[in-house]
C-alpha atoms as a PDB file:
ATOM      1  CA  MET A   1      13.448  11.500   4.029  1.00  0.00           C
ATOM      2  CA  LYS A   2      16.001   8.796   4.906  1.00  0.00           C
ATOM      3  CA  THR A   3      15.893   5.789   2.866  1.00  0.00           C
ATOM      4  CA  ARG A   4      16.950   2.150   3.199  1.00  0.00           C
ATOM      5  CA  SER A   5      16.776  -0.454   0.148  1.00  0.00           C
ATOM      6  CA  VAL A   6      17.868  -4.271   0.992  1.00  0.00           C
ATOM      7  CA  ILE A   7      17.428  -6.480  -1.886  1.00  0.00           C
ATOM      8  CA  LEU A   8      16.949  -9.796  -1.110  1.00  0.00           C
ATOM      9  CA  VAL A   9      16.753 -11.905  -3.982  1.00  0.00           C
ATOM     10  CA  GLY A  10      17.359 -15.170  -5.007  1.00  0.00           C
ATOM     11  CA  ILE A  11      19.598 -16.573  -8.322  1.00  0.00           C
ATOM     12  CA  ALA A  12      17.168 -14.739 -11.281  1.00  0.00           C
ATOM     13  CA  THR A  13      16.908 -14.669 -14.487  1.00  0.00           C
ATOM     14  CA  ILE A  14      15.490 -12.300 -16.940  1.00  0.00           C
ATOM     15  CA  ALA A  15      15.405 -13.213 -20.349  1.00  0.00           C
ATOM     16  CA  GLY A  16      17.505 -16.049 -20.062  1.00  0.00           C
ATOM     17  CA  LEU A  17      20.264 -14.409 -18.602  1.00  0.00           C
ATOM     18  CA  SER A  18      21.253 -15.419 -14.737  1.00  0.00           C
ATOM     19  CA  VAL A  19      21.993 -12.498 -11.762  1.00  0.00           C
ATOM     20  CA  LEU A  20      23.426 -13.937  -8.954  1.00  0.00           C
ATOM     21  CA  GLY A  21      21.358 -12.859  -5.974  1.00  0.00           C
ATOM     22  CA  ILE A  22      22.598 -10.194  -3.607  1.00  0.00           C
ATOM     23  CA  ALA A  23      21.825  -8.796   0.040  1.00  0.00           C
ATOM     24  CA  LEU A  24      23.112  -5.804   0.149  1.00  0.00           C
ATOM     25  CA  SER A  25      21.890  -2.444   2.284  1.00  0.00           C
ATOM     26  CA  PHE A  26      22.340   0.874   1.336  1.00  0.00           C
ATOM     27  CA  ASP A  27      21.784   3.472   4.686  1.00  0.00           C
ATOM     28  CA  ASP A  28      22.280   6.304   5.189  1.00  0.00           C
ATOM     29  CA  ASP A  29      21.011   6.250   9.461  1.00  0.00           C
ATOM     30  CA  ALA A  30      22.204   3.647  11.436  1.00  0.00           C
ATOM     31  CA  ALA A  31      19.850   0.549  11.927  1.00  0.00           C
ATOM     32  CA  SER A  32      16.394   1.524  13.893  1.00  0.00           C
ATOM     33  CA  HIS A  33      13.094   0.015  13.474  1.00  0.00           C
ATOM     34  CA  ASP A  34      11.515   3.241  15.068  1.00  0.00           C
ATOM     35  CA  ASN A  35      10.057   5.947  13.007  1.00  0.00           C
ATOM     36  CA  GLU A  36      10.177   3.470  10.200  1.00  0.00           C
ATOM     37  CA  ILE A  37       7.796   0.977   7.609  1.00  0.00           C
ATOM     38  CA  ARG A  38       9.524  -1.918   5.891  1.00  0.00           C
ATOM     39  CA  ILE A  39       7.924  -2.463   2.410  1.00  0.00           C
ATOM     40  CA  ALA A  40       8.691  -6.079   0.864  1.00  0.00           C
ATOM     41  CA  TYR A  41       7.757  -6.619  -2.555  1.00  0.00           C
ATOM     42  CA  PHE A  42       8.645  -8.513  -5.955  1.00  0.00           C
ATOM     43  CA  PRO A  43      10.570  -7.304  -8.877  1.00  0.00           C
ATOM     44  CA  ASN A  44       8.017  -7.873 -11.409  1.00  0.00           C
ATOM     45  CA  ILE A  45       5.193  -6.376 -13.080  1.00  0.00           C
ATOM     46  CA  GLY A  46       2.581  -7.546 -11.034  1.00  0.00           C
ATOM     47  CA  HIS A  47       4.235  -5.692  -8.056  1.00  0.00           C
ATOM     48  CA  ALA A  48       4.135  -2.127 -10.514  1.00  0.00           C
ATOM     49  CA  VAL A  49       2.666  -0.467  -7.321  1.00  0.00           C
ATOM     50  CA  PRO A  50       5.221  -0.659  -4.689  1.00  0.00           C
ATOM     51  CA  ILE A  51       7.690  -0.157  -7.388  1.00  0.00           C
ATOM     52  CA  MET A  52       6.051   2.981  -9.060  1.00  0.00           C
ATOM     53  CA  GLY A  53       5.756   4.293  -5.460  1.00  0.00           C
ATOM     54  CA  ILE A  54       9.363   4.215  -4.059  1.00  0.00           C
ATOM     55  CA  GLU A  55      10.759   5.011  -7.487  1.00  0.00           C
ATOM     56  CA  ASN A  56       8.630   7.572  -8.232  1.00  0.00           C
ATOM     57  CA  GLY A  57       8.407   9.031  -4.439  1.00  0.00           C
ATOM     58  CA  PHE A  58       4.485   8.875  -4.237  1.00  0.00           C
ATOM     59  CA  PHE A  59       5.173   6.983  -0.630  1.00  0.00           C
ATOM     60  CA  GLU A  60       7.998   9.322   0.339  1.00  0.00           C
ATOM     61  CA  LYS A  61       6.022  11.956  -0.264  1.00  0.00           C
ATOM     62  CA  SER A  62       2.787  10.949   1.406  1.00  0.00           C
ATOM     63  CA  ILE A  63       4.381   9.675   4.719  1.00  0.00           C
ATOM     64  CA  GLY A  64       6.542  12.530   5.353  1.00  0.00           C
ATOM     65  CA  ASN A  65       9.981  13.149   6.489  1.00  0.00           C
ATOM     66  CA  ASN A  66      10.119  11.866   9.878  1.00  0.00           C
ATOM     67  CA  THR A  67       9.236   7.933   9.130  1.00  0.00           C
ATOM     68  CA  ILE A  68      12.075   6.063   7.045  1.00  0.00           C
ATOM     69  CA  ILE A  69      10.594   3.832   4.427  1.00  0.00           C
ATOM     70  CA  GLU A  70      12.962   0.800   4.169  1.00  0.00           C
ATOM     71  CA  THR A  71      12.613  -1.334   1.140  1.00  0.00           C
ATOM     72  CA  ARG A  72      12.866  -5.130   0.967  1.00  0.00           C
ATOM     73  CA  VAL A  73      12.727  -6.755  -3.018  1.00  0.00           C
ATOM     74  CA  PHE A  74      12.665 -10.351  -2.609  1.00  0.00           C
ATOM     75  CA  ASP A  75      11.569 -13.564  -5.157  1.00  0.00           C
ATOM     76  CA  SER A  76       8.753 -15.819  -3.152  1.00  0.00           C
ATOM     77  CA  GLY A  77       5.933 -15.493  -1.159  1.00  0.00           C
ATOM     78  CA  PRO A  78       6.935 -17.765   1.750  1.00  0.00           C
ATOM     79  CA  GLN A  79       9.834 -15.631   2.087  1.00  0.00           C
ATOM     80  CA  VAL A  80       7.911 -12.818   2.787  1.00  0.00           C
ATOM     81  CA  ILE A  81       5.582 -14.643   5.287  1.00  0.00           C
ATOM     82  CA  GLU A  82       8.517 -15.780   7.132  1.00  0.00           C
ATOM     83  CA  SER A  83       9.810 -11.972   7.303  1.00  0.00           C
ATOM     84  CA  LEU A  84       6.564 -10.843   8.411  1.00  0.00           C
ATOM     85  CA  PHE A  85       6.153 -13.677  11.497  1.00  0.00           C
ATOM     86  CA  ALA A  86      10.283 -12.636  12.337  1.00  0.00           C
ATOM     87  CA  ASN A  87       9.114  -8.997  12.487  1.00  0.00           C
ATOM     88  CA  SER A  88      12.019  -7.944   9.816  1.00  0.00           C
ATOM     89  CA  ILE A  89       8.948  -6.206   7.648  1.00  0.00           C
ATOM     90  CA  ASP A  90       5.689  -4.339   7.926  1.00  0.00           C
ATOM     91  CA  VAL A  91       3.963  -4.237   5.107  1.00  0.00           C
ATOM     92  CA  ALA A  92       4.087  -6.328   1.587  1.00  0.00           C
ATOM     93  CA  TYR A  93       2.641  -6.669  -1.763  1.00  0.00           C
ATOM     94  CA  VAL A  94       2.014 -10.988  -2.370  1.00  0.00           C
ATOM     95  CA  GLY A  95      -0.296 -12.795  -4.212  1.00  0.00           C
ATOM     96  CA  PRO A  96      -3.734 -14.619  -2.198  1.00  0.00           C
ATOM     97  CA  GLY A  97      -1.521 -17.972  -1.707  1.00  0.00           C
ATOM     98  CA  PRO A  98       0.593 -15.909   0.959  1.00  0.00           C
ATOM     99  CA  ALA A  99      -1.535 -13.492   2.058  1.00  0.00           C
ATOM    100  CA  ILE A 100      -4.085 -16.325   3.252  1.00  0.00           C
ATOM    101  CA  ASN A 101      -1.537 -18.790   4.449  1.00  0.00           C
ATOM    102  CA  GLY A 102      -0.003 -15.933   6.321  1.00  0.00           C
ATOM    103  CA  PHE A 103      -3.241 -15.032   7.896  1.00  0.00           C
ATOM    104  CA  LEU A 104      -4.381 -18.775   9.036  1.00  0.00           C
ATOM    105  CA  ASN A 105      -0.630 -19.331  10.786  1.00  0.00           C
ATOM    106  CA  SER A 106      -0.322 -16.169  12.363  1.00  0.00           C
ATOM    107  CA  ASN A 107      -3.517 -16.300  14.669  1.00  0.00           C
ATOM    108  CA  ASN A 108      -4.815 -13.809  12.059  1.00  0.00           C
ATOM    109  CA  ASN A 109      -2.157 -11.268  13.044  1.00  0.00           C
ATOM    110  CA  ILE A 110      -1.156 -11.166   8.920  1.00  0.00           C
ATOM    111  CA  LYS A 111      -4.006  -8.774   7.316  1.00  0.00           C
ATOM    112  CA  ILE A 112      -5.182  -8.080   3.912  1.00  0.00           C
ATOM    113  CA  LEU A 113      -5.234  -3.742   3.376  1.00  0.00           C
ATOM    114  CA  ALA A 114      -6.123  -3.374   0.000  1.00  0.00           C
ATOM    115  CA  GLY A 115      -5.512  -5.026  -3.621  1.00  0.00           C
ATOM    116  CA  SER A 116      -2.884  -4.487  -5.994  1.00  0.00           C
ATOM    117  CA  ALA A 117      -3.360  -5.959  -9.179  1.00  0.00           C
ATOM    118  CA  SER A 118      -5.412  -8.264 -10.753  1.00  0.00           C
ATOM    119  CA  GLY A 119      -5.069 -10.856 -13.740  1.00  0.00           C
ATOM    120  CA  GLY A 120      -1.944 -11.525 -15.244  1.00  0.00           C
ATOM    121  CA  ALA A 121      -1.205 -15.447 -15.313  1.00  0.00           C
ATOM    122  CA  SER A 122      -1.847 -17.083 -18.791  1.00  0.00           C
ATOM    123  CA  PHE A 123      -1.462 -20.725 -19.866  1.00  0.00           C
ATOM    124  CA  ILE A 124       1.504 -20.770 -21.949  1.00  0.00           C
ATOM    125  CA  VAL A 125       2.347 -23.571 -24.657  1.00  0.00           C
ATOM    126  CA  HIS A 126       5.195 -24.874 -25.829  1.00  0.00           C
ATOM    127  CA  PRO A 127       6.035 -24.386 -29.354  1.00  0.00           C
ATOM    128  CA  ASP A 128       6.388 -28.310 -29.983  1.00  0.00           C
ATOM    129  CA  SER A 129       3.682 -29.345 -28.112  1.00  0.00           C
ATOM    130  CA  GLU A 130       0.458 -30.291 -29.192  1.00  0.00           C
ATOM    131  CA  ILE A 131      -1.684 -28.843 -26.795  1.00  0.00           C
ATOM    132  CA  ASN A 132      -5.020 -26.934 -27.788  1.00  0.00           C
ATOM    133  CA  SER A 133      -7.399 -27.279 -25.098  1.00  0.00           C
ATOM    134  CA  ILE A 134      -7.709 -29.072 -21.684  1.00  0.00           C
ATOM    135  CA  SER A 135      -8.247 -32.841 -23.500  1.00  0.00           C
ATOM    136  CA  ASP A 136      -4.529 -32.863 -25.413  1.00  0.00           C
ATOM    137  CA  PHE A 137      -3.153 -32.110 -21.170  1.00  0.00           C
ATOM    138  CA  ASP A 138      -3.376 -35.747 -20.649  1.00  0.00           C
ATOM    139  CA  GLY A 139       0.421 -37.547 -20.311  1.00  0.00           C
ATOM    140  CA  LYS A 140       2.115 -34.152 -21.043  1.00  0.00           C
ATOM    141  CA  LYS A 141       4.662 -32.196 -18.718  1.00  0.00           C
ATOM    142  CA  ILE A 142       3.400 -28.917 -16.850  1.00  0.00           C
ATOM    143  CA  ALA A 143       5.184 -26.180 -14.643  1.00  0.00           C
ATOM    144  CA  ALA A 144       4.074 -24.022 -12.353  1.00  0.00           C
ATOM    145  CA  PRO A 145       6.041 -22.381  -9.580  1.00  0.00           C
ATOM    146  CA  GLN A 146       6.119 -23.240  -5.998  1.00  0.00           C
ATOM    147  CA  ILE A 147       3.596 -25.851  -4.485  1.00  0.00           C
ATOM    148  CA  GLY A 148       1.211 -23.555  -2.956  1.00  0.00           C
ATOM    149  CA  ASN A 149       1.819 -20.371  -5.043  1.00  0.00           C
ATOM    150  CA  THR A 150      -1.003 -18.714  -6.584  1.00  0.00           C
ATOM    151  CA  GLN A 151      -0.554 -20.467 -10.329  1.00  0.00           C
ATOM    152  CA  ASP A 152      -0.207 -23.589  -8.792  1.00  0.00           C
ATOM    153  CA  VAL A 153      -3.130 -24.150  -6.855  1.00  0.00           C
ATOM    154  CA  SER A 154      -5.066 -22.736  -9.998  1.00  0.00           C
ATOM    155  CA  LEU A 155      -3.459 -25.174 -12.159  1.00  0.00           C
ATOM    156  CA  ARG A 156      -4.123 -27.900  -9.720  1.00  0.00           C
ATOM    157  CA  HIS A 157      -7.345 -26.712  -9.256  1.00  0.00           C
ATOM    158  CA  TYR A 158      -8.031 -26.778 -13.159  1.00  0.00           C
ATOM    159  CA  LEU A 159      -7.015 -30.117 -13.731  1.00  0.00           C
ATOM    160  CA  SER A 160      -8.897 -31.363 -10.709  1.00  0.00           C
ATOM    161  CA  GLU A 161     -12.463 -29.531 -12.376  1.00  0.00           C
ATOM    162  CA  ASN A 162     -11.455 -31.376 -15.609  1.00  0.00           C
ATOM    163  CA  GLY A 163     -11.377 -34.474 -13.998  1.00  0.00           C
ATOM    164  CA  LEU A 164      -7.185 -34.992 -14.534  1.00  0.00           C
ATOM    165  CA  ARG A 165      -4.950 -35.595 -11.752  1.00  0.00           C
ATOM    166  CA  PRO A 166      -1.030 -34.404 -11.150  1.00  0.00           C
ATOM    167  CA  ALA A 167       1.041 -37.751 -11.520  1.00  0.00           C
ATOM    168  CA  GLU A 168       2.202 -37.740  -7.466  1.00  0.00           C
ATOM    169  CA  LYS A 169      -1.949 -38.545  -7.090  1.00  0.00           C
ATOM    170  CA  GLY A 170      -2.127 -41.146  -9.531  1.00  0.00           C
ATOM    171  CA  GLY A 171      -2.388 -39.143 -12.397  1.00  0.00           C
ATOM    172  CA  SER A 172      -1.239 -38.467 -16.120  1.00  0.00           C
ATOM    173  CA  VAL A 173      -0.436 -35.046 -15.844  1.00  0.00           C
ATOM    174  CA  VAL A 174       3.632 -34.754 -15.071  1.00  0.00           C
ATOM    175  CA  VAL A 175       3.172 -31.546 -12.842  1.00  0.00           C
ATOM    176  CA  TYR A 176       7.031 -29.529 -12.572  1.00  0.00           C
ATOM    177  CA  ASN A 177       6.936 -26.814  -9.585  1.00  0.00           C
ATOM    178  CA  ILE A 178       9.974 -24.497 -10.125  1.00  0.00           C
ATOM    179  CA  SER A 179      11.163 -21.165 -10.188  1.00  0.00           C
ATOM    180  CA  ASN A 180      10.097 -19.107 -12.985  1.00  0.00           C
ATOM    181  CA  PRO A 181      13.610 -18.864 -14.155  1.00  0.00           C
ATOM    182  CA  ASP A 182      13.427 -23.034 -14.528  1.00  0.00           C
ATOM    183  CA  ILE A 183      10.698 -22.654 -16.371  1.00  0.00           C
ATOM    184  CA  TYR A 184      12.362 -20.563 -18.794  1.00  0.00           C
ATOM    185  CA  THR A 185      15.279 -22.628 -19.225  1.00  0.00           C
ATOM    186  CA  LEU A 186      12.828 -25.960 -19.533  1.00  0.00           C
ATOM    187  CA  PHE A 187      11.007 -24.118 -22.231  1.00  0.00           C
ATOM    188  CA  VAL A 188      14.265 -23.615 -24.215  1.00  0.00           C
ATOM    189  CA  LYS A 189      15.094 -27.017 -24.041  1.00  0.00           C
ATOM    190  CA  GLY A 190      11.481 -28.429 -24.735  1.00  0.00           C
ATOM    191  CA  ASP A 191      11.394 -30.407 -21.411  1.00  0.00           C
ATOM    192  CA  VAL A 192       8.043 -29.311 -20.297  1.00  0.00           C
ATOM    193  CA  ASP A 193       4.830 -28.718 -23.079  1.00  0.00           C
ATOM    194  CA  GLY A 194       3.393 -25.848 -20.917  1.00  0.00           C
ATOM    195  CA  ALA A 195       3.361 -23.805 -18.112  1.00  0.00           C
ATOM    196  CA  TRP A 196       1.122 -21.300 -16.089  1.00  0.00           C
ATOM    197  CA  VAL A 197       2.769 -18.593 -15.177  1.00  0.00           C
ATOM    198  CA  ALA A 198       2.702 -15.404 -14.140  1.00  0.00           C
ATOM    199  CA  GLU A 199       3.632 -11.871 -16.083  1.00  0.00           C
ATOM    200  CA  PRO A 200       5.972 -10.676 -17.380  1.00  0.00           C
ATOM    201  CA  TRP A 201       7.313 -14.507 -17.313  1.00  0.00           C
ATOM    202  CA  ALA A 202       3.957 -15.229 -19.703  1.00  0.00           C
ATOM    203  CA  THR A 203       4.855 -13.023 -22.383  1.00  0.00           C
ATOM    204  CA  ILE A 204       8.498 -13.669 -22.327  1.00  0.00           C
ATOM    205  CA  LEU A 205       7.685 -17.454 -22.976  1.00  0.00           C
ATOM    206  CA  GLU A 206       5.313 -16.193 -25.819  1.00  0.00           C
ATOM    207  CA  THR A 207       7.458 -13.788 -27.488  1.00  0.00           C
ATOM    208  CA  GLU A 208      11.010 -14.863 -27.098  1.00  0.00           C
ATOM    209  CA  LEU A 209      10.747 -18.585 -27.137  1.00  0.00           C
ATOM    210  CA  ASP A 210       7.741 -18.778 -29.721  1.00  0.00           C
ATOM    211  CA  GLY A 211       5.062 -19.762 -26.791  1.00  0.00           C
ATOM    212  CA  LYS A 212       1.835 -19.921 -27.452  1.00  0.00           C
ATOM    213  CA  ARG A 213      -0.901 -17.974 -25.148  1.00  0.00           C
ATOM    214  CA  LEU A 214      -3.748 -20.545 -24.638  1.00  0.00           C
ATOM    215  CA  PHE A 215      -5.934 -18.639 -22.175  1.00  0.00           C
ATOM    216  CA  HIS A 216      -5.567 -15.639 -19.727  1.00  0.00           C
ATOM    217  CA  GLU A 217      -6.402 -17.188 -16.232  1.00  0.00           C
ATOM    218  CA  GLU A 218      -9.280 -14.316 -15.738  1.00  0.00           C
ATOM    219  CA  GLU A 219     -10.840 -15.952 -18.395  1.00  0.00           C
ATOM    220  CA  LEU A 220     -11.828 -18.963 -15.763  1.00  0.00           C
ATOM    221  CA  TRP A 221     -12.829 -16.237 -13.122  1.00  0.00           C
ATOM    222  CA  PRO A 222     -16.210 -14.536 -12.811  1.00  0.00           C
ATOM    223  CA  ASP A 223     -16.151 -11.032 -14.177  1.00  0.00           C
ATOM    224  CA  LYS A 224     -12.809 -11.734 -15.538  1.00  0.00           C
ATOM    225  CA  GLN A 225     -10.996 -10.627 -12.326  1.00  0.00           C
ATOM    226  CA  PHE A 226      -9.035 -11.858  -9.609  1.00  0.00           C
ATOM    227  CA  ALA A 227      -6.804 -11.006  -7.131  1.00  0.00           C
ATOM    228  CA  SER A 228      -3.367 -11.537  -8.182  1.00  0.00           C
ATOM    229  CA  VAL A 229      -1.559  -9.531  -5.922  1.00  0.00           C
ATOM    230  CA  LEU A 230      -2.383  -8.178  -2.693  1.00  0.00           C
ATOM    231  CA  LEU A 231      -1.244  -5.888   0.335  1.00  0.00           C
ATOM    232  CA  ILE A 232      -0.768  -7.001   3.410  1.00  0.00           C
ATOM    233  CA  ALA A 233       0.556  -5.952   6.793  1.00  0.00           C
ATOM    234  CA  ASN A 234       1.387  -7.218  10.392  1.00  0.00           C
ATOM    235  CA  SER A 235      -1.304  -6.462  12.431  1.00  0.00           C
ATOM    236  CA  GLU A 236       0.501  -5.075  15.339  1.00  0.00           C
ATOM    237  CA  TYR A 237       2.263  -2.372  13.411  1.00  0.00           C
ATOM    238  CA  VAL A 238      -0.948  -0.775  11.763  1.00  0.00           C
ATOM    239  CA  GLU A 239      -2.890  -0.826  15.418  1.00  0.00           C
ATOM    240  CA  LYS A 240       0.890   0.769  16.345  1.00  0.00           C
ATOM    241  CA  ASN A 241       1.360   2.640  13.462  1.00  0.00           C
ATOM    242  CA  PRO A 242      -2.451   4.026  12.315  1.00  0.00           C
ATOM    243  CA  GLN A 243      -1.144   7.508  11.082  1.00  0.00           C
ATOM    244  CA  VAL A 244       1.815   5.840   8.842  1.00  0.00           C
ATOM    245  CA  VAL A 245      -0.814   3.328   7.669  1.00  0.00           C
ATOM    246  CA  SER A 246      -2.881   5.911   6.761  1.00  0.00           C
ATOM    247  CA  ALA A 247      -0.664   7.920   4.598  1.00  0.00           C
ATOM    248  CA  PHE A 248       0.963   4.933   3.090  1.00  0.00           C
ATOM    249  CA  LEU A 249      -2.315   3.406   1.705  1.00  0.00           C
ATOM    250  CA  SER A 250      -3.125   7.034   0.337  1.00  0.00           C
ATOM    251  CA  SER A 251      -0.232   7.054  -1.645  1.00  0.00           C
ATOM    252  CA  HIS A 252      -0.409   3.219  -2.301  1.00  0.00           C
ATOM    253  CA  HIS A 253      -3.833   4.643  -4.198  1.00  0.00           C
ATOM    254  CA  GLU A 254      -2.629   7.495  -5.416  1.00  0.00           C
ATOM    255  CA  THR A 255       0.299   5.032  -7.113  1.00  0.00           C
ATOM    256  CA  VAL A 256      -2.645   2.786  -8.573  1.00  0.00           C
ATOM    257  CA  ASP A 257      -4.487   5.893 -10.487  1.00  0.00           C
ATOM    258  CA  TRP A 258      -0.939   7.280 -11.652  1.00  0.00           C
ATOM    259  CA  ILE A 259      -0.057   3.901 -13.107  1.00  0.00           C
ATOM    260  CA  ASN A 260      -3.539   3.597 -15.243  1.00  0.00           C
ATOM    261  CA  GLN A 261      -2.766   7.163 -16.601  1.00  0.00           C
ATOM    262  CA  ASN A 262       0.505   6.676 -17.269  1.00  0.00           C
ATOM    263  CA  PRO A 263       1.548   3.272 -18.640  1.00  0.00           C
ATOM    264  CA  THR A 264       4.489   4.788 -20.921  1.00  0.00           C
ATOM    265  CA  GLU A 265       6.235   6.059 -18.004  1.00  0.00           C
ATOM    266  CA  THR A 266       5.138   3.020 -15.949  1.00  0.00           C
ATOM    267  CA  ARG A 267       7.218   1.008 -18.253  1.00  0.00           C
ATOM    268  CA  ILE A 268      10.202   3.182 -18.320  1.00  0.00           C
ATOM    269  CA  ILE A 269      10.655   3.616 -14.536  1.00  0.00           C
ATOM    270  CA  PHE A 270      10.232  -0.236 -14.565  1.00  0.00           C
ATOM    271  CA  ASN A 271      12.747  -1.029 -16.835  1.00  0.00           C
ATOM    272  CA  ASN A 272      15.000   1.795 -14.817  1.00  0.00           C
ATOM    273  CA  PHE A 273      14.431  -0.820 -11.740  1.00  0.00           C
ATOM    274  CA  LEU A 274      15.308  -3.722 -13.196  1.00  0.00           C
ATOM    275  CA  ASP A 275      18.330  -2.456 -14.888  1.00  0.00           C
ATOM    276  CA  SER A 276      19.460  -0.880 -11.294  1.00  0.00           C
ATOM    277  CA  TYR A 277      18.350  -3.803  -9.015  1.00  0.00           C
ATOM    278  CA  LEU A 278      18.934  -7.004 -11.466  1.00  0.00           C
ATOM    279  CA  GLY A 279      21.441  -5.706 -13.954  1.00  0.00           C
ATOM    280  CA  GLN A 280      19.369  -6.709 -17.007  1.00  0.00           C
ATOM    281  CA  PRO A 281      16.267  -4.548 -18.258  1.00  0.00           C
ATOM    282  CA  LEU A 282      13.280  -6.279 -20.836  1.00  0.00           C
ATOM    283  CA  SER A 283      12.255  -5.377 -23.906  1.00  0.00           C
ATOM    284  CA  ASP A 284      10.000  -2.596 -24.534  1.00  0.00           C
ATOM    285  CA  ASP A 285       7.325  -4.818 -25.916  1.00  0.00           C
ATOM    286  CA  VAL A 286       7.764  -7.096 -23.044  1.00  0.00           C
ATOM    287  CA  ILE A 287       6.781  -4.938 -20.462  1.00  0.00           C
ATOM    288  CA  ASP A 288       4.311  -3.264 -22.642  1.00  0.00           C
ATOM    289  CA  ILE A 289       2.530  -6.398 -23.344  1.00  0.00           C
ATOM    290  CA  ALA A 290       3.192  -8.025 -19.560  1.00  0.00           C
ATOM    291  CA  LEU A 291       1.398  -4.486 -18.245  1.00  0.00           C
ATOM    292  CA  SER A 292      -1.515  -4.706 -20.621  1.00  0.00           C
ATOM    293  CA  ASN A 293      -2.497  -8.100 -19.658  1.00  0.00           C
ATOM    294  CA  LEU A 294      -2.477  -6.847 -15.849  1.00  0.00           C
ATOM    295  CA  GLU A 295      -5.461  -4.735 -14.445  1.00  0.00           C
ATOM    296  CA  ILE A 296      -3.831  -2.343 -11.601  1.00  0.00           C
ATOM    297  CA  THR A 297      -6.229  -1.743  -8.865  1.00  0.00           C
ATOM    298  CA  SER A 298      -6.760  -1.275  -5.358  1.00  0.00           C
ATOM    299  CA  ASP A 299      -9.494  -3.542  -4.827  1.00  0.00           C
ATOM    300  CA  PRO A 300      -8.372  -6.449  -3.439  1.00  0.00           C
ATOM    301  CA  LEU A 301     -11.273  -7.963  -5.055  1.00  0.00           C
ATOM    302  CA  HIS A 302     -12.673 -10.128  -1.489  1.00  0.00           C
ATOM    303  CA  ASP A 303     -14.717 -12.924  -3.583  1.00  0.00           C
ATOM    304  CA  SER A 304     -11.697 -14.283  -5.413  1.00  0.00           C
ATOM    305  CA  VAL A 305      -9.616 -14.234  -2.204  1.00  0.00           C
ATOM    306  CA  PHE A 306     -12.387 -16.216  -0.510  1.00  0.00           C
ATOM    307  CA  SER A 307     -12.862 -18.567  -3.908  1.00  0.00           C
ATOM    308  CA  PHE A 308      -8.808 -19.027  -4.013  1.00  0.00           C
ATOM    309  CA  ALA A 309      -9.313 -20.633  -0.627  1.00  0.00           C
ATOM    310  CA  GLU A 310     -11.585 -22.839  -1.051  1.00  0.00           C
ATOM    311  CA  LYS A 311      -9.530 -24.008  -4.325  1.00  0.00           C
ATOM    312  CA  ALA A 312      -6.651 -24.247  -1.880  1.00  0.00           C
ATOM    313  CA  ASP A 313      -8.816 -26.485   0.784  1.00  0.00           C
ATOM    314  CA  SER A 314      -9.890 -28.647  -1.851  1.00  0.00           C
ATOM    315  CA  LEU A 315      -6.006 -29.378  -3.180  1.00  0.00           C
ATOM    316  CA  GLY A 316      -5.294 -30.252   0.997  1.00  0.00           C
ATOM    317  CA  TYR A 317      -3.023 -27.164   0.986  1.00  0.00           C
ATOM    318  CA  LEU A 318      -4.672 -25.453   4.102  1.00  0.00           C
ATOM    319  CA  GLY A 319      -4.662 -28.135   6.766  1.00  0.00           C
ATOM    320  CA  ARG A 320      -7.031 -30.749   7.472  1.00  0.00           C
ATOM    321  CA  ASN A 321      -8.838 -29.127  10.002  1.00  0.00           C
ATOM    322  CA  GLY A 322     -11.077 -26.959   8.004  1.00  0.00           C
ATOM    323  CA  TYR A 323     -10.225 -22.629   7.584  1.00  0.00           C
ATOM    324  CA  ASP A 324     -12.057 -19.585   8.487  1.00  0.00           C
ATOM    325  CA  LEU A 325     -11.458 -16.434   6.945  1.00  0.00           C
ATOM    326  CA  SER A 326     -13.480 -14.457   8.870  1.00  0.00           C
ATOM    327  CA  GLY A 327     -11.788 -11.014   9.890  1.00  0.00           C
ATOM    328  CA  ILE A 328      -8.292 -11.276   7.135  1.00  0.00           C
ATOM    329  CA  PHE A 329      -9.401  -8.044   5.495  1.00  0.00           C
ATOM    330  CA  TYR A 330      -9.191  -4.530   6.628  1.00  0.00           C
ATOM    331  CA  SER A 331     -11.509  -1.676   5.348  1.00  0.00           C
ATOM    332  CA  LEU A 332     -10.790   1.759   5.045  1.00  0.00           C
ATOM    333  CA  ASP A 333     -13.012   5.040   5.393  1.00  0.00           C
ATOM    334  CA  SER A 334     -12.729   8.115   2.928  1.00  0.00           C
ATOM    335  CA  ASN A 335      -9.147   8.764   4.871  1.00  0.00           C
ATOM    336  CA  TYR A 336      -7.559   5.732   4.555  1.00  0.00           C
ATOM    337  CA  ASN A 337      -8.339   4.964   8.459  1.00  0.00           C
ATOM    338  CA  LEU A 338      -8.645   1.491   9.121  1.00  0.00           C
ATOM    339  CA  GLU A 339     -11.222  -1.071  10.758  1.00  0.00           C
ATOM    340  CA  GLU A 340     -11.543  -4.706  10.886  1.00  0.00           C
ATOM    341  CA  ASN A 341     -13.758  -6.403   8.546  1.00  0.00           C
ATOM    342  CA  SER A 342     -14.573 -10.007   7.557  1.00  0.00           C
END
């Protein structure tokens, strides 16, 4: 199969090493969007499914020789949604926040195909801070990634549930919305008291900077499960390429099963991926712990997506006129053929 890879990342930091973002194409054929599927994902352990699917050849084997796979590696959900809107990618792995916003802002043209990961986020306390419970959050400086992303919504909803508000809303908790690499830097400097972050960053802060894991986010959810990475798609692409999408979904499920049966091999392949794409691997311990804090699953955990939307809406993130998630999910038959489902 002919494949193309495009790396679209900003300035990333892994374990304290800054790596300048690059935009490179590796083409073995002239650029064309015919007979091709363009897949977007992030370079982190929560996106183990697309990374293993590509690096292990599962996607290539399932889709066949007549379709080019193009991969694009991003560093934020909003970038992915913009690319879906621009029709420059076809399917993508993102958190529930971008998936919901993409659906609502695309006239229902972006839909969820499957789950990819559950859990994998934690609240990490700086070693010099005195946070031992929510009662200690008053007056503290807390970091989370960009506004509206999965961890930001979870943090702000958690504050609201416990009678606290961020400083910009007249409250006493200072919330910094900054990238994960910048959160790492503030941790090093001691300029934040805690951070609500996804893996592997939670484990990096814990193991390398002596942070204390106050809780895993899944402890706050029913059945200790919530969708943290979802597979979404441009509906027009799905309708025009049902056989390709069906084959891709089959390989997606196969990859989920393989990861759950082969954690050591997953760690090795993931670290080789980081080394190749960003120039710096992580320690084996960090990856093993981070992977153990995730549940790799094809289940999109429907109820958690609806619950997340309710949380985002309560924070004013979904607009003033309400929202409707009817039709956000595709459902699959036993052969991974698609049909719409609310």
